[in-house]
Amino acid sequence: MDDLYIPPARGLPGGLLIPDAELVERFSRSSGPGGQSVNTTDSRVELSWDVNASGVLTETQRQRVLARLAGRLVDGVLTVAASEHRSQRQNRTAGRVRLAHLVAAALEPPAPPRRATKPSRAARARRVEDKRRRGSVKALRRQPPLD
């Protein structure tokens, strides 16, 4: 197939192009029901990309991907499997799309730190008024005291 293109995003202004030579595809038989060709076609695709050895990432991007996808990496290799389609070609495309989404999400810059704020005076007054009103509604439900 062609090189894998990851479109521009917040953390990736110019996009990213992973050369086809860095992607390793393995094919195997897909599980589940199928038609006449179920036992003869290798339609399941495993797409692997070695993040550590990749030449398209800067060192900052590499560290970010390694940190964010640490649970999915095995020895620095990201592997994605696709077997939802019957044809190998569609599974290859689905695997590439899935890999591109994973890498694009991992390359997003971290969110800015949350700035602590206090509730406004009016918000505090509304909260107290709502509590008072709710308390009075509940008080009306109580049994009157027996004299």
N, C-alpha and C. Protein backbone atom coordinates (compact mmCIF):
# COMPACT_ATOMS: atom_id res chain seq x y z
N MET A 1 0.85 -1.18 0.00
CA MET A 1 0.00 0.00 0.00
C MET A 1 0.89 1.24 0.00
N ASP A 2 0.30 2.36 0.38
CA ASP A 2 1.05 3.61 0.39
C ASP A 2 1.51 3.96 1.79
N ASP A 3 2.30 5.03 1.86
CA ASP A 3 2.72 5.54 3.17
C ASP A 3 1.49 5.92 3.98
N LEU A 4 1.61 5.87 5.29
CA LEU A 4 0.50 6.19 6.18
C LEU A 4 0.56 7.67 6.52
N TYR A 5 -0.48 8.41 6.15
CA TYR A 5 -0.53 9.85 6.41
C TYR A 5 -1.43 10.11 7.61
N ILE A 6 -0.91 10.85 8.57
CA ILE A 6 -1.68 11.27 9.73
C ILE A 6 -1.95 12.76 9.53
N PRO A 7 -3.23 13.14 9.39
CA PRO A 7 -3.56 14.52 9.04
C PRO A 7 -3.20 15.51 10.13
N PRO A 8 -3.10 16.80 9.77
CA PRO A 8 -2.77 17.83 10.75
C PRO A 8 -3.78 17.86 11.88
N ALA A 9 -3.29 18.06 13.08
CA ALA A 9 -4.14 18.17 14.26
C ALA A 9 -3.51 19.21 15.17
N ARG A 10 -4.06 19.32 16.38
CA ARG A 10 -3.56 20.33 17.31
C ARG A 10 -2.09 20.11 17.63
N GLY A 11 -1.69 18.86 17.86
CA GLY A 11 -0.31 18.59 18.21
C GLY A 11 0.57 18.31 17.00
N LEU A 12 -0.03 18.32 15.82
CA LEU A 12 0.67 17.93 14.60
C LEU A 12 0.31 18.90 13.49
N PRO A 13 0.82 20.14 13.52
CA PRO A 13 0.36 21.15 12.57
C PRO A 13 0.54 20.76 11.11
N GLY A 14 1.65 20.15 10.75
CA GLY A 14 1.88 19.82 9.34
C GLY A 14 1.49 18.41 8.98
N GLY A 15 0.98 17.65 9.92
CA GLY A 15 0.67 16.24 9.66
C GLY A 15 1.92 15.41 9.82
N LEU A 16 1.78 14.12 9.58
CA LEU A 16 2.89 13.19 9.73
C LEU A 16 2.75 12.11 8.67
N LEU A 17 3.85 11.75 8.05
CA LEU A 17 3.85 10.72 7.02
C LEU A 17 4.76 9.59 7.46
N ILE A 18 4.16 8.44 7.77
CA ILE A 18 4.93 7.27 8.17
C ILE A 18 5.22 6.46 6.91
N PRO A 19 6.49 6.28 6.55
CA PRO A 19 6.80 5.54 5.33
C PRO A 19 6.31 4.09 5.40
N ASP A 20 5.94 3.56 4.27
CA ASP A 20 5.44 2.19 4.19
C ASP A 20 6.50 1.19 4.65
N ALA A 21 7.78 1.56 4.52
CA ALA A 21 8.85 0.66 4.92
C ALA A 21 8.90 0.46 6.44
N GLU A 22 8.35 1.41 7.21
CA GLU A 22 8.35 1.29 8.67
C GLU A 22 7.17 0.47 9.19
N LEU A 23 6.21 0.18 8.33
CA LEU A 23 5.02 -0.57 8.74
C LEU A 23 5.19 -2.04 8.38
N VAL A 24 4.86 -2.92 9.30
CA VAL A 24 4.96 -4.36 9.07
C VAL A 24 3.55 -4.93 9.14
N GLU A 25 3.16 -5.63 8.09
CA GLU A 25 1.83 -6.24 8.05
C GLU A 25 1.95 -7.76 8.12
N ARG A 26 1.11 -8.34 8.97
CA ARG A 26 1.01 -9.80 9.05
C ARG A 26 -0.43 -10.17 8.78
N PHE A 27 -0.63 -11.25 8.06
CA PHE A 27 -1.97 -11.68 7.72
C PHE A 27 -2.24 -13.04 8.32
N SER A 28 -3.48 -13.22 8.78
CA SER A 28 -3.87 -14.51 9.33
C SER A 28 -5.35 -14.71 9.08
N ARG A 29 -5.83 -15.89 9.42
CA ARG A 29 -7.25 -16.18 9.21
C ARG A 29 -8.07 -15.47 10.27
N SER A 30 -9.14 -14.88 9.83
CA SER A 30 -10.02 -14.16 10.74
C SER A 30 -10.95 -15.13 11.45
N SER A 31 -11.30 -14.82 12.69
CA SER A 31 -12.21 -15.69 13.42
C SER A 31 -13.65 -15.35 13.06
N GLY A 32 -14.56 -16.18 13.48
CA GLY A 32 -15.98 -15.93 13.27
C GLY A 32 -16.50 -16.57 12.00
N PRO A 33 -17.79 -16.39 11.75
CA PRO A 33 -18.42 -17.03 10.59
C PRO A 33 -17.94 -16.42 9.27
N GLY A 34 -18.06 -17.15 8.22
CA GLY A 34 -17.67 -16.67 6.91
C GLY A 34 -18.37 -17.46 5.83
N GLY A 35 -17.98 -17.24 4.60
CA GLY A 35 -18.61 -17.93 3.47
C GLY A 35 -17.76 -19.09 3.02
N GLN A 36 -17.77 -19.32 1.72
CA GLN A 36 -17.04 -20.45 1.16
C GLN A 36 -15.53 -20.32 1.33
N SER A 37 -15.06 -19.08 1.38
CA SER A 37 -13.61 -18.87 1.43
C SER A 37 -13.09 -18.73 2.85
N VAL A 38 -13.89 -19.11 3.86
CA VAL A 38 -13.52 -18.87 5.25
C VAL A 38 -12.22 -19.58 5.64
N ASN A 39 -11.97 -20.76 5.11
CA ASN A 39 -10.79 -21.51 5.51
C ASN A 39 -9.60 -21.30 4.59
N THR A 40 -9.73 -20.44 3.62
CA THR A 40 -8.65 -20.29 2.66
C THR A 40 -8.06 -18.88 2.60
N THR A 41 -8.79 -17.88 3.10
CA THR A 41 -8.27 -16.51 2.96
C THR A 41 -7.73 -15.99 4.28
N ASP A 42 -6.61 -15.31 4.20
CA ASP A 42 -6.00 -14.67 5.36
C ASP A 42 -6.42 -13.20 5.35
N SER A 43 -7.61 -12.91 5.87
CA SER A 43 -8.13 -11.55 5.77
C SER A 43 -7.83 -10.70 6.99
N ARG A 44 -7.47 -11.28 8.11
CA ARG A 44 -7.15 -10.51 9.32
C ARG A 44 -5.77 -9.87 9.13
N VAL A 45 -5.66 -8.62 9.54
CA VAL A 45 -4.40 -7.88 9.35
C VAL A 45 -3.89 -7.40 10.71
N GLU A 46 -2.62 -7.64 10.97
CA GLU A 46 -1.93 -7.06 12.13
C GLU A 46 -0.91 -6.08 11.59
N LEU A 47 -1.09 -4.83 11.93
CA LEU A 47 -0.21 -3.76 11.46
C LEU A 47 0.68 -3.32 12.62
N SER A 48 1.99 -3.39 12.44
CA SER A 48 2.93 -3.03 13.51
C SER A 48 3.81 -1.87 13.06
N TRP A 49 4.11 -1.00 14.03
CA TRP A 49 4.98 0.15 13.77
C TRP A 49 5.91 0.31 14.96
N ASP A 50 7.22 0.28 14.69
CA ASP A 50 8.23 0.40 15.74
C ASP A 50 8.45 1.89 16.02
N VAL A 51 7.91 2.34 17.15
CA VAL A 51 7.99 3.75 17.52
C VAL A 51 9.44 4.12 17.85
N ASN A 52 10.15 3.23 18.53
CA ASN A 52 11.54 3.52 18.91
C ASN A 52 12.45 3.72 17.71
N ALA A 53 12.25 2.92 16.67
CA ALA A 53 13.14 2.97 15.51
C ALA A 53 12.66 3.90 14.41
N SER A 54 11.53 4.54 14.61
CA SER A 54 10.96 5.39 13.56
C SER A 54 11.80 6.64 13.35
N GLY A 55 11.98 6.98 12.10
CA GLY A 55 12.76 8.16 11.76
C GLY A 55 11.92 9.39 11.49
N VAL A 56 10.59 9.27 11.57
CA VAL A 56 9.74 10.41 11.24
C VAL A 56 9.35 11.24 12.46
N LEU A 57 9.61 10.73 13.65
CA LEU A 57 9.23 11.44 14.86
C LEU A 57 10.41 12.23 15.42
N THR A 58 10.11 13.41 15.94
CA THR A 58 11.13 14.13 16.69
C THR A 58 11.26 13.45 18.05
N GLU A 59 12.28 13.80 18.80
CA GLU A 59 12.47 13.15 20.10
C GLU A 59 11.33 13.47 21.06
N THR A 60 10.82 14.69 21.00
CA THR A 60 9.69 15.07 21.85
C THR A 60 8.46 14.25 21.49
N GLN A 61 8.18 14.13 20.19
CA GLN A 61 7.03 13.34 19.75
C GLN A 61 7.19 11.89 20.14
N ARG A 62 8.40 11.35 20.00
CA ARG A 62 8.65 9.95 20.35
C ARG A 62 8.37 9.71 21.84
N GLN A 63 8.86 10.62 22.69
CA GLN A 63 8.64 10.47 24.13
C GLN A 63 7.16 10.56 24.47
N ARG A 64 6.45 11.46 23.79
CA ARG A 64 5.02 11.62 24.04
C ARG A 64 4.25 10.36 23.64
N VAL A 65 4.57 9.79 22.47
CA VAL A 65 3.89 8.58 22.02
C VAL A 65 4.22 7.41 22.94
N LEU A 66 5.49 7.28 23.33
CA LEU A 66 5.88 6.18 24.21
C LEU A 66 5.18 6.29 25.57
N ALA A 67 5.02 7.51 26.07
CA ALA A 67 4.37 7.69 27.37
C ALA A 67 2.87 7.45 27.29
N ARG A 68 2.23 7.98 26.25
CA ARG A 68 0.78 7.89 26.16
C ARG A 68 0.28 6.50 25.75
N LEU A 69 1.07 5.80 24.95
CA LEU A 69 0.64 4.47 24.49
C LEU A 69 1.41 3.36 25.18
N ALA A 70 1.94 3.63 26.36
CA ALA A 70 2.77 2.65 27.07
C ALA A 70 2.03 1.33 27.29
N GLY A 71 0.74 1.38 27.53
CA GLY A 71 -0.02 0.15 27.77
C GLY A 71 -0.24 -0.68 26.52
N ARG A 72 -0.11 -0.07 25.36
CA ARG A 72 -0.33 -0.78 24.09
C ARG A 72 0.97 -1.22 23.42
N LEU A 73 2.09 -0.71 23.88
CA LEU A 73 3.36 -1.01 23.23
C LEU A 73 4.00 -2.26 23.81
N VAL A 74 4.63 -3.03 22.94
CA VAL A 74 5.43 -4.18 23.35
C VAL A 74 6.82 -3.96 22.79
N ASP A 75 7.78 -3.69 23.68
CA ASP A 75 9.15 -3.37 23.29
C ASP A 75 9.21 -2.21 22.30
N GLY A 76 8.35 -1.20 22.50
CA GLY A 76 8.35 -0.02 21.65
C GLY A 76 7.65 -0.19 20.33
N VAL A 77 6.93 -1.30 20.14
CA VAL A 77 6.23 -1.56 18.88
C VAL A 77 4.73 -1.47 19.12
N LEU A 78 4.07 -0.63 18.33
CA LEU A 78 2.62 -0.47 18.40
C LEU A 78 1.99 -1.40 17.38
N THR A 79 1.06 -2.25 17.83
CA THR A 79 0.41 -3.21 16.95
C THR A 79 -1.09 -3.00 16.98
N VAL A 80 -1.70 -2.98 15.79
CA VAL A 80 -3.13 -2.82 15.64
C VAL A 80 -3.64 -3.97 14.77
N ALA A 81 -4.74 -4.58 15.20
CA ALA A 81 -5.33 -5.68 14.43
C ALA A 81 -6.67 -5.24 13.86
N ALA A 82 -6.97 -5.68 12.66
CA ALA A 82 -8.25 -5.37 12.02
C ALA A 82 -8.78 -6.64 11.37
N SER A 83 -9.99 -7.03 11.76
CA SER A 83 -10.59 -8.22 11.16
C SER A 83 -12.09 -8.06 10.98
N GLU A 84 -12.57 -6.82 10.97
CA GLU A 84 -14.01 -6.61 10.90
C GLU A 84 -14.60 -6.76 9.50
N HIS A 85 -13.75 -6.75 8.48
CA HIS A 85 -14.24 -6.89 7.11
C HIS A 85 -13.87 -8.26 6.56
N ARG A 86 -14.54 -8.64 5.50
CA ARG A 86 -14.24 -9.94 4.89
C ARG A 86 -13.03 -9.89 3.97
N SER A 87 -12.78 -8.70 3.41
CA SER A 87 -11.66 -8.63 2.46
C SER A 87 -10.40 -8.12 3.15
N GLN A 88 -9.29 -8.63 2.70
CA GLN A 88 -7.99 -8.24 3.25
C GLN A 88 -7.72 -6.76 2.99
N ARG A 89 -8.08 -6.29 1.83
CA ARG A 89 -7.84 -4.89 1.47
C ARG A 89 -8.57 -3.94 2.42
N GLN A 90 -9.83 -4.24 2.71
CA GLN A 90 -10.59 -3.38 3.62
C GLN A 90 -10.01 -3.43 5.03
N ASN A 91 -9.55 -4.61 5.45
CA ASN A 91 -8.93 -4.73 6.77
C ASN A 91 -7.60 -3.98 6.83
N ARG A 92 -6.87 -3.98 5.74
CA ARG A 92 -5.61 -3.22 5.70
C ARG A 92 -5.90 -1.73 5.87
N THR A 93 -6.91 -1.25 5.16
CA THR A 93 -7.29 0.16 5.26
C THR A 93 -7.78 0.48 6.67
N ALA A 94 -8.61 -0.40 7.24
CA ALA A 94 -9.14 -0.17 8.58
C ALA A 94 -8.01 -0.14 9.62
N GLY A 95 -7.04 -1.02 9.48
CA GLY A 95 -5.91 -1.05 10.40
C GLY A 95 -5.08 0.22 10.30
N ARG A 96 -4.87 0.71 9.10
CA ARG A 96 -4.10 1.93 8.91
C ARG A 96 -4.83 3.14 9.50
N VAL A 97 -6.14 3.17 9.31
CA VAL A 97 -6.93 4.27 9.87
C VAL A 97 -6.86 4.23 11.40
N ARG A 98 -7.00 3.03 11.97
CA ARG A 98 -6.95 2.87 13.43
C ARG A 98 -5.59 3.30 13.97
N LEU A 99 -4.52 2.88 13.29
CA LEU A 99 -3.17 3.27 13.72
C LEU A 99 -2.99 4.78 13.64
N ALA A 100 -3.48 5.38 12.55
CA ALA A 100 -3.36 6.84 12.39
C ALA A 100 -4.09 7.58 13.51
N HIS A 101 -5.29 7.10 13.87
CA HIS A 101 -6.04 7.75 14.96
C HIS A 101 -5.31 7.62 16.29
N LEU A 102 -4.76 6.45 16.56
CA LEU A 102 -4.03 6.24 17.81
C LEU A 102 -2.82 7.17 17.92
N VAL A 103 -2.05 7.24 16.84
CA VAL A 103 -0.84 8.07 16.86
C VAL A 103 -1.20 9.55 16.94
N ALA A 104 -2.23 9.96 16.20
CA ALA A 104 -2.64 11.38 16.24
C ALA A 104 -3.11 11.76 17.64
N ALA A 105 -3.87 10.88 18.29
CA ALA A 105 -4.33 11.17 19.66
C ALA A 105 -3.16 11.20 20.64
N ALA A 106 -2.18 10.33 20.43
CA ALA A 106 -1.02 10.30 21.33
C ALA A 106 -0.13 11.53 21.15
N LEU A 107 -0.13 12.11 19.96
CA LEU A 107 0.72 13.27 19.70
C LEU A 107 0.09 14.59 20.11
N GLU A 108 -1.18 14.57 20.53
CA GLU A 108 -1.83 15.80 20.98
C GLU A 108 -1.04 16.37 22.16
N PRO A 109 -0.86 17.68 22.20
CA PRO A 109 -0.16 18.26 23.35
C PRO A 109 -1.01 18.13 24.61
N PRO A 110 -0.37 18.15 25.78
CA PRO A 110 -1.15 18.03 27.00
C PRO A 110 -2.08 19.24 27.18
N ALA A 111 -3.20 19.01 27.83
CA ALA A 111 -4.15 20.10 28.07
C ALA A 111 -3.52 21.12 29.02
N PRO A 112 -3.89 22.38 28.87
CA PRO A 112 -3.33 23.38 29.78
C PRO A 112 -3.78 23.09 31.21
N PRO A 113 -2.97 23.43 32.19
CA PRO A 113 -3.36 23.13 33.57
C PRO A 113 -4.61 23.91 33.96
N ARG A 114 -5.43 23.28 34.79
CA ARG A 114 -6.66 23.91 35.23
C ARG A 114 -6.33 25.03 36.21
N ARG A 115 -6.97 26.15 35.99
CA ARG A 115 -6.78 27.29 36.88
C ARG A 115 -7.88 27.26 37.93
N ALA A 116 -7.51 27.24 39.19
CA ALA A 116 -8.49 27.15 40.26
C ALA A 116 -9.30 28.44 40.35
N THR A 117 -10.61 28.31 40.48
CA THR A 117 -11.48 29.47 40.63
C THR A 117 -12.41 29.24 41.81
N LYS A 118 -13.00 30.33 42.30
CA LYS A 118 -13.95 30.22 43.40
C LYS A 118 -15.34 30.53 42.85
N PRO A 119 -16.37 29.95 43.47
CA PRO A 119 -17.73 30.30 43.05
C PRO A 119 -18.00 31.78 43.36
N SER A 120 -18.78 32.41 42.51
CA SER A 120 -19.09 33.83 42.73
C SER A 120 -20.02 33.98 43.94
N ARG A 121 -20.13 35.20 44.43
CA ARG A 121 -21.00 35.45 45.57
C ARG A 121 -22.45 35.10 45.23
N ALA A 122 -22.90 35.44 44.02
CA ALA A 122 -24.27 35.14 43.61
C ALA A 122 -24.49 33.63 43.54
N ALA A 123 -23.48 32.88 43.05
CA ALA A 123 -23.62 31.43 42.97
C ALA A 123 -23.71 30.83 44.36
N ARG A 124 -22.94 31.34 45.30
CA ARG A 124 -23.01 30.84 46.68
C ARG A 124 -24.38 31.16 47.29
N ALA A 125 -24.90 32.34 47.00
CA ALA A 125 -26.22 32.72 47.52
C ALA A 125 -27.31 31.84 46.93
N ARG A 126 -27.23 31.54 45.62
CA ARG A 126 -28.21 30.65 44.99
C ARG A 126 -28.17 29.27 45.62
N ARG A 127 -26.96 28.78 45.88
CA ARG A 127 -26.82 27.46 46.47
C ARG A 127 -27.46 27.41 47.86
N VAL A 128 -27.21 28.42 48.68
CA VAL A 128 -27.78 28.45 50.02
C VAL A 128 -29.31 28.57 49.95
N GLU A 129 -29.80 29.40 49.04
CA GLU A 129 -31.25 29.57 48.88
C GLU A 129 -31.90 28.25 48.43
N ASP A 130 -31.27 27.55 47.50
CA ASP A 130 -31.80 26.26 47.05
C ASP A 130 -31.82 25.25 48.20
N LYS A 131 -30.77 25.24 49.02
CA LYS A 131 -30.73 24.33 50.17
C LYS A 131 -31.85 24.68 51.16
N ARG A 132 -32.07 25.97 51.40
CA ARG A 132 -33.11 26.39 52.33
C ARG A 132 -34.49 25.99 51.81
N ARG A 133 -34.71 26.21 50.49
CA ARG A 133 -36.00 25.86 49.88
C ARG A 133 -36.22 24.35 49.93
N ARG A 134 -35.19 23.59 49.64
CA ARG A 134 -35.30 22.14 49.65
C ARG A 134 -35.59 21.64 51.07
N GLY A 135 -34.94 22.23 52.05
CA GLY A 135 -35.18 21.87 53.45
C GLY A 135 -36.61 22.15 53.87
N SER A 136 -37.16 23.29 53.41
CA SER A 136 -38.54 23.61 53.79
C SER A 136 -39.53 22.65 53.13
N VAL A 137 -39.26 22.23 51.90
CA VAL A 137 -40.12 21.24 51.22
C VAL A 137 -40.09 19.93 52.00
N LYS A 138 -38.94 19.51 52.44
CA LYS A 138 -38.84 18.26 53.19
C LYS A 138 -39.49 18.39 54.56
N ALA A 139 -39.42 19.58 55.14
CA ALA A 139 -40.05 19.80 56.45
C ALA A 139 -41.55 19.64 56.36
N LEU A 140 -42.14 20.05 55.23
CA LEU A 140 -43.59 19.91 55.06
C LEU A 140 -44.01 18.45 54.98
N ARG A 141 -43.11 17.55 54.62
CA ARG A 141 -43.44 16.12 54.51
C ARG A 141 -43.44 15.42 55.86
N ARG A 142 -42.84 16.04 56.88
CA ARG A 142 -42.74 15.39 58.19
C ARG A 142 -44.10 15.31 58.87
N GLN A 143 -44.23 14.34 59.74
CA GLN A 143 -45.45 14.20 60.54
C GLN A 143 -45.47 15.31 61.57
N PRO A 144 -46.63 15.89 61.82
CA PRO A 144 -46.68 16.90 62.89
C PRO A 144 -46.46 16.24 64.24
N PRO A 145 -45.80 16.93 65.13
CA PRO A 145 -45.51 16.33 66.44
C PRO A 145 -46.80 16.07 67.21
N LEU A 146 -46.85 14.96 67.94
CA LEU A 146 -48.01 14.61 68.74
C LEU A 146 -47.92 15.34 70.08
N ASP A 147 -48.99 16.02 70.47
CA ASP A 147 -48.99 16.75 71.75
C ASP A 147 -49.64 15.97 72.84
